[in-house]
C-alpha atoms as a PDB file:
ATOM      1  CA  UNK A   1       0.000   0.000   0.000  1.00  0.00           C
ATOM      2  CA  UNK A   2       2.805   2.425   0.983  1.00  0.00           C
ATOM      3  CA  UNK A   3       6.342   1.841  -0.220  1.00  0.00           C
ATOM      4  CA  UNK A   4       9.412   3.932   0.550  1.00  0.00           C
ATOM      5  CA  UNK A   5      12.412   3.258  -1.689  1.00  0.00           C
ATOM      6  CA  UNK A   6      15.711   4.783  -0.591  1.00  0.00           C
ATOM      7  CA  UNK A   7      13.913   7.784   0.873  1.00  0.00           C
ATOM      8  CA  UNK A   8      16.115  10.360   2.526  1.00  0.00           C
ATOM      9  CA  UNK A   9      16.019  13.912   3.811  1.00  0.00           C
ATOM     10  CA  UNK A  10      19.118  16.063   4.156  1.00  0.00           C
ATOM     11  CA  UNK A  11      18.749  19.701   5.167  1.00  0.00           C
ATOM     12  CA  UNK A  12      20.718  22.614   3.733  1.00  0.00           C
ATOM     13  CA  UNK A  13      23.114  22.614   6.690  1.00  0.00           C
ATOM     14  CA  UNK A  14      24.063  19.000   5.930  1.00  0.00           C
ATOM     15  CA  UNK A  15      22.007  17.451   8.719  1.00  0.00           C
ATOM     16  CA  UNK A  16      20.691  14.025   7.719  1.00  0.00           C
ATOM     17  CA  UNK A  17      17.183  13.555   9.132  1.00  0.00           C
ATOM     18  CA  UNK A  18      16.380  10.321   7.280  1.00  0.00           C
ATOM     19  CA  UNK A  19      18.913   8.046   5.624  1.00  0.00           C
ATOM     20  CA  UNK A  20      18.018   5.917   2.559  1.00  0.00           C
ATOM     21  CA  UNK A  21      14.912   4.432   4.143  1.00  0.00           C
ATOM     22  CA  UNK A  22      13.318   1.346   2.586  1.00  0.00           C
ATOM     23  CA  UNK A  23       9.943   0.487   4.104  1.00  0.00           C
ATOM     24  CA  UNK A  24       6.841  -1.407   3.005  1.00  0.00           C
ATOM     25  CA  UNK A  25       3.541  -0.778   4.780  1.00  0.00           C
ATOM     26  CA  UNK A  26       1.011  -3.504   3.899  1.00  0.00           C
ATOM     27  CA  UNK A  27      -2.578  -2.612   3.117  1.00  0.00           C
ATOM     28  CA  UNK A  28      -4.811  -2.397   6.223  1.00  0.00           C
ATOM     29  CA  UNK A  29      -1.804  -2.732   8.552  1.00  0.00           C
ATOM     30  CA  UNK A  30      -0.914  -0.465  11.469  1.00  0.00           C
ATOM     31  CA  UNK A  31       2.808   0.273  11.303  1.00  0.00           C
ATOM     32  CA  UNK A  32       4.491   2.208  14.108  1.00  0.00           C
ATOM     33  CA  UNK A  33       7.669   4.267  13.726  1.00  0.00           C
ATOM     34  CA  UNK A  34       9.497   4.482  17.040  1.00  0.00           C
ATOM     35  CA  UNK A  35      12.884   5.690  18.185  1.00  0.00           C
ATOM     36  CA  UNK A  36      14.707   8.368  20.172  1.00  0.00           C
ATOM     37  CA  UNK A  37      14.380  12.098  19.528  1.00  0.00           C
ATOM     38  CA  UNK A  38      16.042  13.178  16.319  1.00  0.00           C
ATOM     39  CA  UNK A  39      15.736   9.844  14.516  1.00  0.00           C
ATOM     40  CA  UNK A  40      13.490  11.138  11.711  1.00  0.00           C
ATOM     41  CA  UNK A  41      10.148   9.596  12.738  1.00  0.00           C
ATOM     42  CA  UNK A  42       7.995  12.683  12.169  1.00  0.00           C
ATOM     43  CA  UNK A  43      10.040  13.693   9.123  1.00  0.00           C
ATOM     44  CA  UNK A  44       9.324  10.306   7.538  1.00  0.00           C
ATOM     45  CA  UNK A  45       5.620  10.672   8.268  1.00  0.00           C
ATOM     46  CA  UNK A  46       5.509  14.162   6.766  1.00  0.00           C
ATOM     47  CA  UNK A  47       7.346  13.024   3.631  1.00  0.00           C
ATOM     48  CA  UNK A  48       4.554  10.533   2.920  1.00  0.00           C
ATOM     49  CA  UNK A  49       2.010  13.352   2.563  1.00  0.00           C
ATOM     50  CA  UNK A  50       4.629  15.830   1.296  1.00  0.00           C
ATOM     51  CA  UNK A  51       4.476  18.279   4.150  1.00  0.00           C
ATOM     52  CA  UNK A  52       8.242  17.766   3.850  1.00  0.00           C
ATOM     53  CA  UNK A  53       9.779  16.973   0.471  1.00  0.00           C
ATOM     54  CA  UNK A  54      12.375  14.159   0.375  1.00  0.00           C
ATOM     55  CA  UNK A  55      15.791  14.957  -1.045  1.00  0.00           C
ATOM     56  CA  UNK A  56      16.234  11.436  -2.389  1.00  0.00           C
ATOM     57  CA  UNK A  57      14.276   8.282  -3.076  1.00  0.00           C
ATOM     58  CA  UNK A  58      10.668   7.662  -4.066  1.00  0.00           C
ATOM     59  CA  UNK A  59       7.426   7.162  -2.151  1.00  0.00           C
ATOM     60  CA  UNK A  60       4.560   5.158  -3.607  1.00  0.00           C
ATOM     61  CA  UNK A  61       0.982   5.197  -2.402  1.00  0.00           C
ATOM     62  CA  UNK A  62      -1.042   2.325  -3.833  1.00  0.00           C
ATOM     63  CA  UNK A  63       1.482   2.068  -6.661  1.00  0.00           C
ATOM     64  CA  UNK A  64       1.462   5.785  -7.549  1.00  0.00           C
ATOM     65  CA  UNK A  65       4.475   8.047  -6.990  1.00  0.00           C
ATOM     66  CA  UNK A  66       3.312  10.756  -4.569  1.00  0.00           C
ATOM     67  CA  UNK A  67       5.689  13.294  -6.139  1.00  0.00           C
ATOM     68  CA  UNK A  68       3.579  13.168  -9.290  1.00  0.00           C
ATOM     69  CA  UNK A  69       0.394  14.153  -7.447  1.00  0.00           C
ATOM     70  CA  UNK A  70      -0.674  17.684  -6.507  1.00  0.00           C
ATOM     71  CA  UNK A  71       0.344  17.913  -2.816  1.00  0.00           C
ATOM     72  CA  UNK A  72      -2.905  19.589  -1.737  1.00  0.00           C
ATOM     73  CA  UNK A  73      -5.013  16.895  -3.386  1.00  0.00           C
ATOM     74  CA  UNK A  74      -2.707  14.228  -1.939  1.00  0.00           C
ATOM     75  CA  UNK A  75      -3.204  15.520   1.611  1.00  0.00           C
ATOM     76  CA  UNK A  76      -6.967  15.683   1.234  1.00  0.00           C
ATOM     77  CA  UNK A  77      -6.918  11.953   0.504  1.00  0.00           C
ATOM     78  CA  UNK A  78      -4.786  11.083   3.537  1.00  0.00           C
ATOM     79  CA  UNK A  79      -6.028  11.392   7.112  1.00  0.00           C
ATOM     80  CA  UNK A  80      -3.590  13.182   9.414  1.00  0.00           C
ATOM     81  CA  UNK A  81      -3.731  13.204  13.228  1.00  0.00           C
ATOM     82  CA  UNK A  82      -1.248  15.171  15.336  1.00  0.00           C
ATOM     83  CA  UNK A  83      -0.617  15.414  19.064  1.00  0.00           C
ATOM     84  CA  UNK A  84      -1.784  19.044  19.231  1.00  0.00           C
ATOM     85  CA  UNK A  85      -4.995  18.105  17.345  1.00  0.00           C
ATOM     86  CA  UNK A  86      -5.199  21.517  15.643  1.00  0.00           C
ATOM     87  CA  UNK A  87      -8.966  22.035  15.820  1.00  0.00           C
ATOM     88  CA  UNK A  88     -10.334  25.367  14.608  1.00  0.00           C
ATOM     89  CA  UNK A  89     -11.302  27.187  17.839  1.00  0.00           C
ATOM     90  CA  UNK A  90     -14.032  29.322  16.237  1.00  0.00           C
ATOM     91  CA  UNK A  91     -15.889  26.342  14.722  1.00  0.00           C
ATOM     92  CA  UNK A  92     -18.087  23.870  16.559  1.00  0.00           C
ATOM     93  CA  UNK A  93     -17.051  20.227  16.728  1.00  0.00           C
ATOM     94  CA  UNK A  94     -19.301  18.977  13.920  1.00  0.00           C
ATOM     95  CA  UNK A  95     -17.988  21.684  11.582  1.00  0.00           C
ATOM     96  CA  UNK A  96     -14.403  20.813  12.525  1.00  0.00           C
ATOM     97  CA  UNK A  97     -14.993  17.152  11.655  1.00  0.00           C
ATOM     98  CA  UNK A  98     -16.647  18.085   8.353  1.00  0.00           C
ATOM     99  CA  UNK A  99     -13.679  20.238   7.229  1.00  0.00           C
ATOM    100  CA  UNK A 100     -12.129  17.897   4.642  1.00  0.00           C
ATOM    101  CA  UNK A 101     -15.435  16.682   3.120  1.00  0.00           C
ATOM    102  CA  UNK A 102     -16.404  20.335   2.702  1.00  0.00           C
ATOM    103  CA  UNK A 103     -13.102  21.103   0.986  1.00  0.00           C
ATOM    104  CA  UNK A 104     -13.723  18.154  -1.322  1.00  0.00           C
ATOM    105  CA  UNK A 105     -17.033  19.659  -2.364  1.00  0.00           C
ATOM    106  CA  UNK A 106     -19.443  17.457  -0.450  1.00  0.00           C
ATOM    107  CA  UNK A 107     -22.973  18.801  -0.037  1.00  0.00           C
ATOM    108  CA  UNK A 108     -23.289  20.534   3.350  1.00  0.00           C
ATOM    109  CA  UNK A 109     -25.961  18.123   4.575  1.00  0.00           C
ATOM    110  CA  UNK A 110     -23.923  15.070   3.591  1.00  0.00           C
ATOM    111  CA  UNK A 111     -20.775  16.432   5.271  1.00  0.00           C
ATOM    112  CA  UNK A 112     -22.713  17.203   8.456  1.00  0.00           C
ATOM    113  CA  UNK A 113     -24.286  13.737   8.546  1.00  0.00           C
ATOM    114  CA  UNK A 114     -20.857  12.166   8.085  1.00  0.00           C
ATOM    115  CA  UNK A 115     -19.499  14.262  10.965  1.00  0.00           C
ATOM    116  CA  UNK A 116     -22.254  13.089  13.298  1.00  0.00           C
ATOM    117  CA  UNK A 117     -21.666   9.454  12.309  1.00  0.00           C
ATOM    118  CA  UNK A 118     -17.962   9.746  13.092  1.00  0.00           C
ATOM    119  CA  UNK A 119     -18.485  11.475  16.423  1.00  0.00           C
ATOM    120  CA  UNK A 120     -20.607   8.514  17.420  1.00  0.00           C
ATOM    121  CA  UNK A 121     -17.964   6.116  16.066  1.00  0.00           C
ATOM    122  CA  UNK A 122     -15.234   7.605  18.280  1.00  0.00           C
ATOM    123  CA  UNK A 123     -17.452   7.531  21.356  1.00  0.00           C
ATOM    124  CA  UNK A 124     -18.675  11.133  21.466  1.00  0.00           C
ATOM    125  CA  UNK A 125     -22.469  11.439  21.566  1.00  0.00           C
ATOM    126  CA  UNK A 126     -23.357  13.835  18.695  1.00  0.00           C
ATOM    127  CA  UNK A 127     -26.336  15.208  20.612  1.00  0.00           C
ATOM    128  CA  UNK A 128     -23.951  16.277  23.358  1.00  0.00           C
ATOM    129  CA  UNK A 129     -20.756  17.245  21.514  1.00  0.00           C
ATOM    130  CA  UNK A 130     -21.659  18.346  17.959  1.00  0.00           C
ATOM    131  CA  UNK A 131     -22.424  21.948  18.902  1.00  0.00           C
ATOM    132  CA  UNK A 132     -19.677  22.367  21.477  1.00  0.00           C
ATOM    133  CA  UNK A 133     -16.443  24.202  20.764  1.00  0.00           C
ATOM    134  CA  UNK A 134     -12.904  22.843  21.235  1.00  0.00           C
ATOM    135  CA  UNK A 135     -12.263  24.789  24.461  1.00  0.00           C
ATOM    136  CA  UNK A 136     -15.277  23.035  26.013  1.00  0.00           C
ATOM    137  CA  UNK A 137     -13.709  19.570  25.572  1.00  0.00           C
ATOM    138  CA  UNK A 138     -11.099  17.693  27.581  1.00  0.00           C
ATOM    139  CA  UNK A 139      -7.764  16.752  26.015  1.00  0.00           C
ATOM    140  CA  UNK A 140      -8.899  13.182  25.442  1.00  0.00           C
ATOM    141  CA  UNK A 141     -12.137  14.344  23.829  1.00  0.00           C
ATOM    142  CA  UNK A 142     -10.246  16.688  21.500  1.00  0.00           C
ATOM    143  CA  UNK A 143      -8.013  13.778  20.462  1.00  0.00           C
ATOM    144  CA  UNK A 144     -11.123  11.774  19.576  1.00  0.00           C
ATOM    145  CA  UNK A 145     -12.368  14.684  17.482  1.00  0.00           C
ATOM    146  CA  UNK A 146      -8.993  14.774  15.743  1.00  0.00           C
ATOM    147  CA  UNK A 147      -9.313  11.102  14.812  1.00  0.00           C
ATOM    148  CA  UNK A 148     -12.901  11.638  13.630  1.00  0.00           C
ATOM    149  CA  UNK A 149     -11.827  14.573  11.455  1.00  0.00           C
ATOM    150  CA  UNK A 150      -9.014  12.532   9.910  1.00  0.00           C
ATOM    151  CA  UNK A 151     -11.506   9.785   9.024  1.00  0.00           C
ATOM    152  CA  UNK A 152     -14.182  12.113   7.694  1.00  0.00           C
ATOM    153  CA  UNK A 153     -13.531  11.697   3.957  1.00  0.00           C
ATOM    154  CA  UNK A 154     -12.943   7.936   4.407  1.00  0.00           C
ATOM    155  CA  UNK A 155      -9.250   8.069   3.432  1.00  0.00           C
ATOM    156  CA  UNK A 156      -7.493   4.768   2.726  1.00  0.00           C
ATOM    157  CA  UNK A 157      -4.405   5.957   4.628  1.00  0.00           C
ATOM    158  CA  UNK A 158      -4.133   7.512   8.081  1.00  0.00           C
ATOM    159  CA  UNK A 159      -0.960   9.186   9.378  1.00  0.00           C
ATOM    160  CA  UNK A 160      -0.716   9.738  13.141  1.00  0.00           C
ATOM    161  CA  UNK A 161       2.060  11.757  14.795  1.00  0.00           C
ATOM    162  CA  UNK A 162       2.195  11.146  18.570  1.00  0.00           C
ATOM    163  CA  UNK A 163      -1.629  11.127  18.611  1.00  0.00           C
ATOM    164  CA  UNK A 164      -2.045  10.152  22.266  1.00  0.00           C
ATOM    165  CA  UNK A 165       0.956  11.885  23.773  1.00  0.00           C
ATOM    166  CA  UNK A 166      -0.798  14.958  25.204  1.00  0.00           C
ATOM    167  CA  UNK A 167      -3.201  13.194  27.573  1.00  0.00           C
ATOM    168  CA  UNK A 168      -2.782  11.530  30.965  1.00  0.00           C
ATOM    169  CA  UNK A 169      -1.827   7.811  31.099  1.00  0.00           C
ATOM    170  CA  UNK A 170      -5.308   6.513  31.951  1.00  0.00           C
ATOM    171  CA  UNK A 171      -6.992   8.407  29.098  1.00  0.00           C
ATOM    172  CA  UNK A 172      -4.122   7.457  26.816  1.00  0.00           C
ATOM    173  CA  UNK A 173      -4.729   3.748  27.416  1.00  0.00           C
ATOM    174  CA  UNK A 174      -8.430   4.187  26.704  1.00  0.00           C
ATOM    175  CA  UNK A 175      -7.716   6.076  23.483  1.00  0.00           C
ATOM    176  CA  UNK A 176      -5.259   3.398  22.368  1.00  0.00           C
ATOM    177  CA  UNK A 177      -7.811   0.651  22.987  1.00  0.00           C
ATOM    178  CA  UNK A 178     -10.545   2.638  21.237  1.00  0.00           C
ATOM    179  CA  UNK A 179      -8.360   3.251  18.213  1.00  0.00           C
ATOM    180  CA  UNK A 180      -7.355  -0.419  17.961  1.00  0.00           C
ATOM    181  CA  UNK A 181     -11.079  -1.249  17.923  1.00  0.00           C
ATOM    182  CA  UNK A 182     -11.664   1.310  15.173  1.00  0.00           C
ATOM    183  CA  UNK A 183      -8.735  -0.048  13.187  1.00  0.00           C
ATOM    184  CA  UNK A 184     -10.149  -3.576  13.343  1.00  0.00           C
ATOM    185  CA  UNK A 185     -13.582  -2.317  12.252  1.00  0.00           C
ATOM    186  CA  UNK A 186     -12.482   0.097   9.519  1.00  0.00           C
ATOM    187  CA  UNK A 187      -9.378  -1.637   8.157  1.00  0.00           C
ATOM    188  CA  UNK A 188      -7.356   1.498   7.410  1.00  0.00           C
ATOM    189  CA  UNK A 189      -3.685   1.536   6.473  1.00  0.00           C
ATOM    190  CA  UNK A 190      -2.059   3.442   9.341  1.00  0.00           C
ATOM    191  CA  UNK A 191       1.438   4.796   9.900  1.00  0.00           C
ATOM    192  CA  UNK A 192       1.881   6.065  13.431  1.00  0.00           C
ATOM    193  CA  UNK A 193       4.774   7.808  15.181  1.00  0.00           C
ATOM    194  CA  UNK A 194       5.577   7.424  18.871  1.00  0.00           C
ATOM    195  CA  UNK A 195       8.629   7.671  21.128  1.00  0.00           C
ATOM    196  CA  UNK A 196       7.168   5.083  23.520  1.00  0.00           C
ATOM    197  CA  UNK A 197       8.205   1.461  22.909  1.00  0.00           C
ATOM    198  CA  UNK A 198       5.321   0.184  25.051  1.00  0.00           C
ATOM    199  CA  UNK A 199       2.833   2.029  22.852  1.00  0.00           C
ATOM    200  CA  UNK A 200       4.617   0.796  19.728  1.00  0.00           C
ATOM    201  CA  UNK A 201       4.447  -2.909  20.603  1.00  0.00           C
ATOM    202  CA  UNK A 202       0.846  -2.570  21.798  1.00  0.00           C
ATOM    203  CA  UNK A 203      -0.435  -0.743  18.734  1.00  0.00           C
ATOM    204  CA  UNK A 204       1.669  -1.970  15.838  1.00  0.00           C
ATOM    205  CA  UNK A 205       1.119  -4.928  13.545  1.00  0.00           C
ATOM    206  CA  UNK A 206       4.699  -4.130  12.594  1.00  0.00           C
ATOM    207  CA  UNK A 207       7.210  -1.816  14.266  1.00  0.00           C
ATOM    208  CA  UNK A 208      10.026   0.138  12.614  1.00  0.00           C
ATOM    209  CA  UNK A 209      12.776   1.178  15.043  1.00  0.00           C
ATOM    210  CA  UNK A 210      14.768   4.153  13.781  1.00  0.00           C
ATOM    211  CA  UNK A 211      18.173   5.189  15.104  1.00  0.00           C
ATOM    212  CA  UNK A 212      19.521   8.736  15.254  1.00  0.00           C
ATOM    213  CA  UNK A 213      20.274   9.944  11.759  1.00  0.00           C
ATOM    214  CA  UNK A 214      17.215   8.247  10.327  1.00  0.00           C
ATOM    215  CA  UNK A 215      18.724   4.774   9.987  1.00  0.00           C
ATOM    216  CA  UNK A 216      16.276   1.869  10.025  1.00  0.00           C
ATOM    217  CA  UNK A 217      17.584  -0.412  12.771  1.00  0.00           C
ATOM    218  CA  UNK A 218      14.878  -3.104  12.637  1.00  0.00           C
ATOM    219  CA  UNK A 219      11.464  -3.611  11.054  1.00  0.00           C
ATOM    220  CA  UNK A 220       9.395  -6.578  12.168  1.00  0.00           C
ATOM    221  CA  UNK A 221       6.408  -7.727  14.177  1.00  0.00           C
ATOM    222  CA  UNK A 222       6.561  -6.710  17.866  1.00  0.00           C
ATOM    223  CA  UNK A 223       7.231 -10.215  19.189  1.00  0.00           C
ATOM    224  CA  UNK A 224      10.244 -10.614  16.896  1.00  0.00           C
ATOM    225  CA  UNK A 225      11.742  -7.264  17.872  1.00  0.00           C
ATOM    226  CA  UNK A 226      11.350  -8.039  21.553  1.00  0.00           C
ATOM    227  CA  UNK A 227      12.520 -11.633  21.201  1.00  0.00           C
ATOM    228  CA  UNK A 228      15.420 -11.119  18.818  1.00  0.00           C
ATOM    229  CA  UNK A 229      16.722  -7.524  18.682  1.00  0.00           C
ATOM    230  CA  UNK A 230      18.724  -6.925  15.515  1.00  0.00           C
ATOM    231  CA  UNK A 231      21.633  -5.167  17.228  1.00  0.00           C
ATOM    232  CA  UNK A 232      22.839  -3.595  20.464  1.00  0.00           C
ATOM    233  CA  UNK A 233      21.004  -0.344  19.735  1.00  0.00           C
ATOM    234  CA  UNK A 234      17.637  -2.098  19.400  1.00  0.00           C
ATOM    235  CA  UNK A 235      18.282  -4.214  22.472  1.00  0.00           C
ATOM    236  CA  UNK A 236      19.090  -1.129  24.539  1.00  0.00           C
ATOM    237  CA  UNK A 237      16.144   0.823  23.136  1.00  0.00           C
ATOM    238  CA  UNK A 238      13.532  -1.829  23.930  1.00  0.00           C
ATOM    239  CA  UNK A 239      15.005  -1.998  27.417  1.00  0.00           C
ATOM    240  CA  UNK A 240      15.296  -4.460  30.249  1.00  0.00           C
ATOM    241  CA  UNK A 241      11.530  -4.977  30.373  1.00  0.00           C
ATOM    242  CA  UNK A 242      11.423  -6.550  26.931  1.00  0.00           C
ATOM    243  CA  UNK A 243      10.714  -9.972  28.442  1.00  0.00           C
ATOM    244  CA  UNK A 244       7.500  -8.686  30.006  1.00  0.00           C
ATOM    245  CA  UNK A 245       6.598  -6.852  26.831  1.00  0.00           C
ATOM    246  CA  UNK A 246       7.024 -10.081  24.872  1.00  0.00           C
ATOM    247  CA  UNK A 247       4.467 -11.797  27.055  1.00  0.00           C
ATOM    248  CA  UNK A 248       1.949  -9.130  26.099  1.00  0.00           C
ATOM    249  CA  UNK A 249       2.411  -9.552  22.336  1.00  0.00           C
ATOM    250  CA  UNK A 250       2.924 -13.339  22.086  1.00  0.00           C
ATOM    251  CA  UNK A 251      -0.301 -15.335  21.613  1.00  0.00           C
ATOM    252  CA  UNK A 252      -1.034 -18.733  23.128  1.00  0.00           C
ATOM    253  CA  UNK A 253      -0.019 -21.519  20.742  1.00  0.00           C
ATOM    254  CA  UNK A 254      -2.254 -24.613  21.030  1.00  0.00           C
ATOM    255  CA  UNK A 255       0.602 -26.763  19.716  1.00  0.00           C
ATOM    256  CA  UNK A 256       2.454 -26.328  23.014  1.00  0.00           C
ATOM    257  CA  UNK A 257      -0.408 -27.040  25.410  1.00  0.00           C
ATOM    258  CA  UNK A 258      -0.334 -30.089  27.649  1.00  0.00           C
ATOM    259  CA  UNK A 259      -3.218 -32.615  27.761  1.00  0.00           C
ATOM    260  CA  UNK A 260      -5.804 -32.490  30.544  1.00  0.00           C
ATOM    261  CA  UNK A 261      -5.118 -36.146  31.468  1.00  0.00           C
ATOM    262  CA  UNK A 262      -5.210 -36.576  35.231  1.00  0.00           C
ATOM    263  CA  UNK A 263      -5.659 -32.860  35.937  1.00  0.00           C
ATOM    264  CA  UNK A 264      -8.625 -31.893  38.093  1.00  0.00           C
ATOM    265  CA  UNK A 265     -10.532 -28.626  37.735  1.00  0.00           C
ATOM    266  CA  UNK A 266      -9.459 -27.600  41.260  1.00  0.00           C
ATOM    267  CA  UNK A 267      -5.809 -27.703  40.179  1.00  0.00           C
ATOM    268  CA  UNK A 268      -6.396 -25.031  37.524  1.00  0.00           C
ATOM    269  CA  UNK A 269      -6.070 -21.310  38.077  1.00  0.00           C
ATOM    270  CA  UNK A 270      -9.089 -21.016  35.805  1.00  0.00           C
ATOM    271  CA  UNK A 271      -9.624 -20.999  32.056  1.00  0.00           C
ATOM    272  CA  UNK A 272      -8.594 -18.550  29.391  1.00  0.00           C
ATOM    273  CA  UNK A 273      -9.455 -18.189  25.707  1.00  0.00           C
ATOM    274  CA  UNK A 274      -6.852 -19.286  23.171  1.00  0.00           C
ATOM    275  CA  UNK A 275      -6.899 -15.778  21.686  1.00  0.00           C
ATOM    276  CA  UNK A 276      -5.414 -14.317  24.870  1.00  0.00           C
ATOM    277  CA  UNK A 277      -1.757 -13.386  25.320  1.00  0.00           C
ATOM    278  CA  UNK A 278       0.846 -15.159  27.411  1.00  0.00           C
ATOM    279  CA  UNK A 279       0.761 -12.137  29.710  1.00  0.00           C
ATOM    280  CA  UNK A 280      -2.938 -12.771  30.385  1.00  0.00           C
ATOM    281  CA  UNK A 281      -2.202 -16.407  31.186  1.00  0.00           C
ATOM    282  CA  UNK A 282       0.737 -15.557  33.454  1.00  0.00           C
ATOM    283  CA  UNK A 283      -1.317 -12.959  35.315  1.00  0.00           C
ATOM    284  CA  UNK A 284      -4.012 -15.552  35.986  1.00  0.00           C
ATOM    285  CA  UNK A 285      -1.454 -18.089  37.251  1.00  0.00           C
ATOM    286  CA  UNK A 286       0.115 -15.556  39.610  1.00  0.00           C
ATOM    287  CA  UNK A 287      -3.187 -14.206  40.870  1.00  0.00           C
ATOM    288  CA  UNK A 288      -4.542 -17.661  41.741  1.00  0.00           C
ATOM    289  CA  UNK A 289      -1.150 -19.026  42.829  1.00  0.00           C
ATOM    290  CA  UNK A 290      -1.537 -22.118  40.662  1.00  0.00           C
ATOM    291  CA  UNK A 291       0.775 -23.812  38.163  1.00  0.00           C
ATOM    292  CA  UNK A 292      -1.739 -24.555  35.411  1.00  0.00           C
ATOM    293  CA  UNK A 293      -4.427 -22.704  33.479  1.00  0.00           C
ATOM    294  CA  UNK A 294      -6.958 -24.287  31.139  1.00  0.00           C
ATOM    295  CA  UNK A 295      -7.133 -22.993  27.564  1.00  0.00           C
ATOM    296  CA  UNK A 296     -10.433 -23.032  25.690  1.00  0.00           C
ATOM    297  CA  UNK A 297     -11.751 -22.154  22.265  1.00  0.00           C
ATOM    298  CA  UNK A 298     -15.415 -21.382  22.624  1.00  0.00           C
ATOM    299  CA  UNK A 299     -16.920 -24.344  24.467  1.00  0.00           C
ATOM    300  CA  UNK A 300     -14.020 -26.649  23.515  1.00  0.00           C
ATOM    301  CA  UNK A 301     -11.199 -27.399  25.956  1.00  0.00           C
ATOM    302  CA  UNK A 302      -7.837 -27.364  24.148  1.00  0.00           C
ATOM    303  CA  UNK A 303      -5.407 -28.240  26.929  1.00  0.00           C
ATOM    304  CA  UNK A 304      -3.402 -26.946  29.870  1.00  0.00           C
ATOM    305  CA  UNK A 305      -0.821 -24.161  29.905  1.00  0.00           C
ATOM    306  CA  UNK A 306       1.990 -24.216  32.469  1.00  0.00           C
ATOM    307  CA  UNK A 307       4.923 -21.855  33.140  1.00  0.00           C
ATOM    308  CA  UNK A 308       7.133 -24.321  31.259  1.00  0.00           C
ATOM    309  CA  UNK A 309       4.727 -24.124  28.324  1.00  0.00           C
ATOM    310  CA  UNK A 310       4.946 -20.330  28.359  1.00  0.00           C
ATOM    311  CA  UNK A 311       8.748 -20.560  28.239  1.00  0.00           C
ATOM    312  CA  UNK A 312       8.539 -23.045  25.346  1.00  0.00           C
ATOM    313  CA  UNK A 313       6.184 -20.772  23.401  1.00  0.00           C
ATOM    314  CA  UNK A 314       8.519 -17.794  23.815  1.00  0.00           C
ATOM    315  CA  UNK A 315      11.488 -19.829  22.562  1.00  0.00           C
ATOM    316  CA  UNK A 316       9.470 -21.251  19.665  1.00  0.00           C
ATOM    317  CA  UNK A 317       8.357 -17.751  18.661  1.00  0.00           C
ATOM    318  CA  UNK A 318      11.949 -16.510  18.490  1.00  0.00           C
ATOM    319  CA  UNK A 319      13.052 -19.520  16.396  1.00  0.00           C
ATOM    320  CA  UNK A 320      10.125 -19.019  14.018  1.00  0.00           C
ATOM    321  CA  UNK A 321      10.947 -15.317  13.569  1.00  0.00           C
ATOM    322  CA  UNK A 322      14.560 -16.207  12.856  1.00  0.00           C
ATOM    323  CA  UNK A 323      13.517 -18.743  10.250  1.00  0.00           C
ATOM    324  CA  UNK A 324      14.810 -21.698  12.247  1.00  0.00           C
ATOM    325  CA  UNK A 325      11.459 -23.390  12.679  1.00  0.00           C
ATOM    326  CA  UNK A 326       9.920 -24.271  16.024  1.00  0.00           C
END
C-alpha cells in the first residue's frame, strides 16, 4: 500500500534527518515508527504526505508516486492526526470534523451527517458534543475529534504523529484501545509515530525502530523485535523490560499445550481463551497461585498451559521469527 524506496532527507546545513529508508507498509496494517528524539520519525511521516519533500528516493501510495500528485489533493486523501490536534477554535465540533469533506465539495448536509456518524464512532455522543467548541472539551475528547476529522472523507491511509501523547496515562490507554477497535472495524492503512516502545508494541502490527540519523535499525512484528533484537542499539532501546513486553504480544499456541489427562478442575487457576496473550495467562497463574491454566476455544477445551509451556512458546516464537522453525 505504501512503499518507501531509498527515501532520505538532508537539510541545507548537511544534517541528515532520514537516511536511505526502505519500508513497506502492507494494506490495512498499522505500522508504528518508534525511536529516540532526532531519529526522523515525524520527518518520515511528513514526507509521505509531502508536508516535507524528500531529497532522495521515491514514495509510492497504492502504486502511484506521490511526487507526481498535486500535494494539496494528496493531503486531502490522507487522514492526518497530530498530538496538538489543531482544531479550529471558532468552529463547533461537527464543523471541525466536516472540514475535509467540505473542501472536497461534499454537499453541506452530507458532510454534516458524516461528521455526526464519526463522532458517534469515536465515542462522542453527537447530541452532546456536535455543537460544542474545542475549548469546552477535555484533552482526550479533542483527540477523539482529531481522529474523527481525519476519518471524515474515508481516506485509505491515516498518518498519526504522537496522537495520544498529550493526555494523561489513563486516558491514553483508553484512546489506544478505542483506536485499535476502530482499526479492526475500519481496516485502514495506518502509519503512526511514537517515542514510547510500550505504545509501539501494543499498537503496531509491525514496528520500525529508527536510530539517530534516520537509519532503520529493525522492522518486524513486535514479538520478533522483543525476542530477537537486531543489534545492540535495538536491544538497549527496547530496554530491560522486553521480556514482560514479549508476554503481552505473544499469543497462546495450542501446539504447546499439555493434555488435561489426570488434571482436576481444582488444580487449575481457571480458564482462558486461546486468543489471549501469554501475559494474560501468566497474570491468571500468579493471581490464583496455581501452576496450570486451562485454555479453551469457545466451548471446547484445548489443553493446559503451564509456566514451562509459556517458556517453550517464547522460545518457539523466536526460532520461528529467525527462520529456524519451532
